[in-house]
Amino acid sequence: MITVVLSIVELIGSGVTAGVLFAVALSVVPALAAMPMDRYIQTHRLLGRNWDPTMPIIVLTSTAVDIALAVLTDDTALFAVGAALLLAVSAVSHLCNVPINRRVKALDTGDIPAEWTDPRPLWRRFHLLRTALALLALLVNAVAIA
């Protein structure tokens, strides 16, 4: 019974993670790329307010559930791969996207330095990487559970 409950929690967590990142890649990233720098910075601040700590909790809880399922079921390898993929999502977020977010949020929209490099292309690449990892994690977890 516990593995059924954990499997449901895992599919919800993996699905929410993949869905949120996919939606951001599909709609939010292109919208931010089309904005002038000052509006981008303001919008970025507004969009980022509720991601922390919600998304890290969902991703890391899903990772822990994958590890538990790897221990409790016969699909050890698949759940271990799912956990590794979700951990990679977290690593890309914390090591790549979050530092860029902090730099953007620290900017004064009225005084953007002329030599400041637009972070959107780099942020987009990191975001697409973690989106691909999340989609793979969902696929692996779905196969393991099915």
Protein backbone atom coordinates (compact mmCIF):
# COMPACT_ATOMS: atom_id res chain seq x y z
CA MET A 1 0.00 0.00 0.00
CA ILE A 2 2.80 2.42 0.84
CA THR A 3 4.35 1.96 -2.60
CA VAL A 4 1.01 2.83 -4.24
CA VAL A 5 0.78 6.07 -2.24
CA LEU A 6 4.43 6.90 -2.94
CA SER A 7 3.90 6.18 -6.65
CA ILE A 8 0.99 8.62 -6.76
CA VAL A 9 3.03 11.25 -4.91
CA GLU A 10 5.90 10.65 -7.33
CA LEU A 11 3.77 11.07 -10.43
CA ILE A 12 2.22 14.24 -9.06
CA GLY A 13 5.62 15.69 -8.09
CA SER A 14 7.34 14.74 -11.33
CA GLY A 15 4.34 15.90 -13.34
CA VAL A 16 4.11 19.27 -11.62
CA THR A 17 7.86 19.81 -12.01
CA ALA A 18 7.87 18.93 -15.70
CA GLY A 19 4.64 20.84 -16.33
CA VAL A 20 5.74 24.05 -14.65
CA LEU A 21 9.13 24.05 -16.37
CA PHE A 22 7.53 23.23 -19.74
CA ALA A 23 4.98 26.04 -19.34
CA VAL A 24 7.72 28.52 -18.47
CA ALA A 25 9.77 27.41 -21.49
CA LEU A 26 6.78 27.61 -23.82
CA SER A 27 5.29 30.92 -22.74
CA VAL A 28 7.17 32.86 -20.08
CA VAL A 29 10.67 32.70 -21.57
CA PRO A 30 9.60 34.03 -25.01
CA ALA A 31 7.55 36.78 -23.36
CA LEU A 32 10.49 37.87 -21.21
CA ALA A 33 12.80 37.80 -24.22
CA ALA A 34 10.52 40.22 -26.08
CA MET A 35 10.52 42.83 -23.30
CA PRO A 36 12.78 45.86 -23.00
CA MET A 37 15.37 45.39 -20.26
CA ASP A 38 13.68 47.49 -17.55
CA ARG A 39 10.31 45.77 -18.02
CA TYR A 40 12.04 42.38 -18.10
CA ILE A 41 13.70 43.07 -14.75
CA GLN A 42 10.42 44.21 -13.16
CA THR A 43 8.51 41.23 -14.55
CA HIS A 44 11.27 38.82 -13.54
CA ARG A 45 11.00 40.04 -9.96
CA LEU A 46 7.23 39.54 -9.97
CA LEU A 47 7.36 36.09 -11.54
CA GLY A 48 10.05 34.80 -9.21
CA ARG A 49 8.37 35.65 -5.92
CA ASN A 50 6.49 32.40 -5.40
CA TRP A 51 8.86 29.86 -6.95
CA ASP A 52 11.01 29.72 -3.83
CA PRO A 53 10.56 27.63 -1.77
CA THR A 54 7.69 25.89 -3.59
CA MET A 55 9.53 24.37 -6.55
CA PRO A 56 12.62 23.24 -4.61
CA ILE A 57 10.33 21.51 -2.10
CA ILE A 58 8.42 19.74 -4.88
CA VAL A 59 11.59 18.68 -6.74
CA LEU A 60 13.49 17.52 -3.66
CA THR A 61 10.46 15.72 -2.19
CA SER A 62 9.98 13.93 -5.51
CA THR A 63 13.67 12.99 -5.47
CA ALA A 64 13.32 11.55 -1.96
CA VAL A 65 10.19 9.62 -2.98
CA ASP A 66 12.08 8.17 -5.97
CA ILE A 67 14.82 7.02 -3.61
CA ALA A 68 12.24 5.43 -1.29
CA LEU A 69 10.62 3.66 -4.24
CA ALA A 70 14.04 2.45 -5.41
CA VAL A 71 14.49 0.82 -2.02
CA LEU A 72 10.94 -0.53 -1.63
CA THR A 73 10.25 -1.89 -5.13
CA ASP A 74 11.79 -4.15 -7.75
CA ASP A 75 12.26 -1.20 -10.12
CA THR A 76 15.36 0.01 -8.29
CA ALA A 77 17.27 1.12 -11.40
CA LEU A 78 14.42 3.12 -12.94
CA PHE A 79 13.57 4.93 -9.72
CA ALA A 80 17.27 5.61 -9.10
CA VAL A 81 17.51 7.16 -12.58
CA GLY A 82 14.38 9.21 -11.84
CA ALA A 83 15.96 10.44 -8.61
CA ALA A 84 19.21 11.31 -10.39
CA LEU A 85 17.34 13.25 -13.09
CA LEU A 86 15.36 15.23 -10.52
CA LEU A 87 18.51 15.90 -8.55
CA ALA A 88 20.06 17.22 -11.77
CA VAL A 89 17.03 19.53 -12.21
CA SER A 90 17.70 20.88 -8.74
CA ALA A 91 21.42 21.26 -9.39
CA VAL A 92 20.88 23.20 -12.64
CA SER A 93 18.36 25.42 -10.87
CA HIS A 94 20.52 26.18 -7.85
CA LEU A 95 23.90 26.38 -9.53
CA CYS A 96 22.92 28.06 -12.81
CA ASN A 97 19.50 29.75 -12.89
CA VAL A 98 19.32 31.02 -9.29
CA PRO A 99 22.60 33.00 -9.45
CA ILE A 100 21.37 34.70 -12.63
CA ASN A 101 18.03 35.43 -10.91
CA ARG A 102 19.83 37.06 -8.00
CA ARG A 103 21.87 39.29 -10.30
CA VAL A 104 18.75 40.38 -12.20
CA LYS A 105 16.77 41.10 -9.03
CA ALA A 106 19.63 43.22 -7.66
CA LEU A 107 19.55 45.61 -10.63
CA ASP A 108 18.07 49.08 -10.41
CA THR A 109 15.80 49.40 -13.46
CA GLY A 110 16.59 53.09 -13.65
CA ASP A 111 20.34 52.57 -13.67
CA ILE A 112 21.25 49.52 -15.76
CA PRO A 113 25.00 49.63 -16.48
CA ALA A 114 25.84 50.03 -20.16
CA GLU A 115 28.29 47.11 -19.98
CA TRP A 116 25.74 44.80 -18.36
CA THR A 117 25.24 41.61 -20.35
CA ASP A 118 21.68 40.48 -21.00
CA PRO A 119 21.31 37.20 -19.05
CA ARG A 120 18.22 35.97 -20.89
CA PRO A 121 19.94 33.78 -23.52
CA LEU A 122 22.08 31.99 -20.90
CA TRP A 123 19.15 31.66 -18.48
CA ARG A 124 17.06 30.20 -21.32
CA ARG A 125 19.69 27.54 -22.12
CA PHE A 126 19.88 26.47 -18.48
CA HIS A 127 16.10 26.47 -18.23
CA LEU A 128 15.72 24.30 -21.33
CA LEU A 129 18.27 21.87 -19.87
CA ARG A 130 16.38 21.50 -16.61
CA THR A 131 13.08 21.24 -18.51
CA ALA A 132 14.47 18.35 -20.59
CA LEU A 133 15.76 16.67 -17.42
CA ALA A 134 12.36 17.06 -15.73
CA LEU A 135 10.51 15.64 -18.73
CA LEU A 136 12.89 12.67 -18.79
CA ALA A 137 12.36 12.16 -15.05
CA LEU A 138 8.60 12.11 -15.56
CA LEU A 139 8.94 9.60 -18.39
CA VAL A 140 11.25 7.33 -16.39
CA ASN A 141 9.01 7.50 -13.32
CA ALA A 142 5.88 6.81 -15.37
CA VAL A 143 7.53 3.76 -16.95
CA ALA A 144 8.71 2.52 -13.55
CA ILE A 145 5.24 2.90 -12.06
CA ALA A 146 3.39 1.44 -15.05
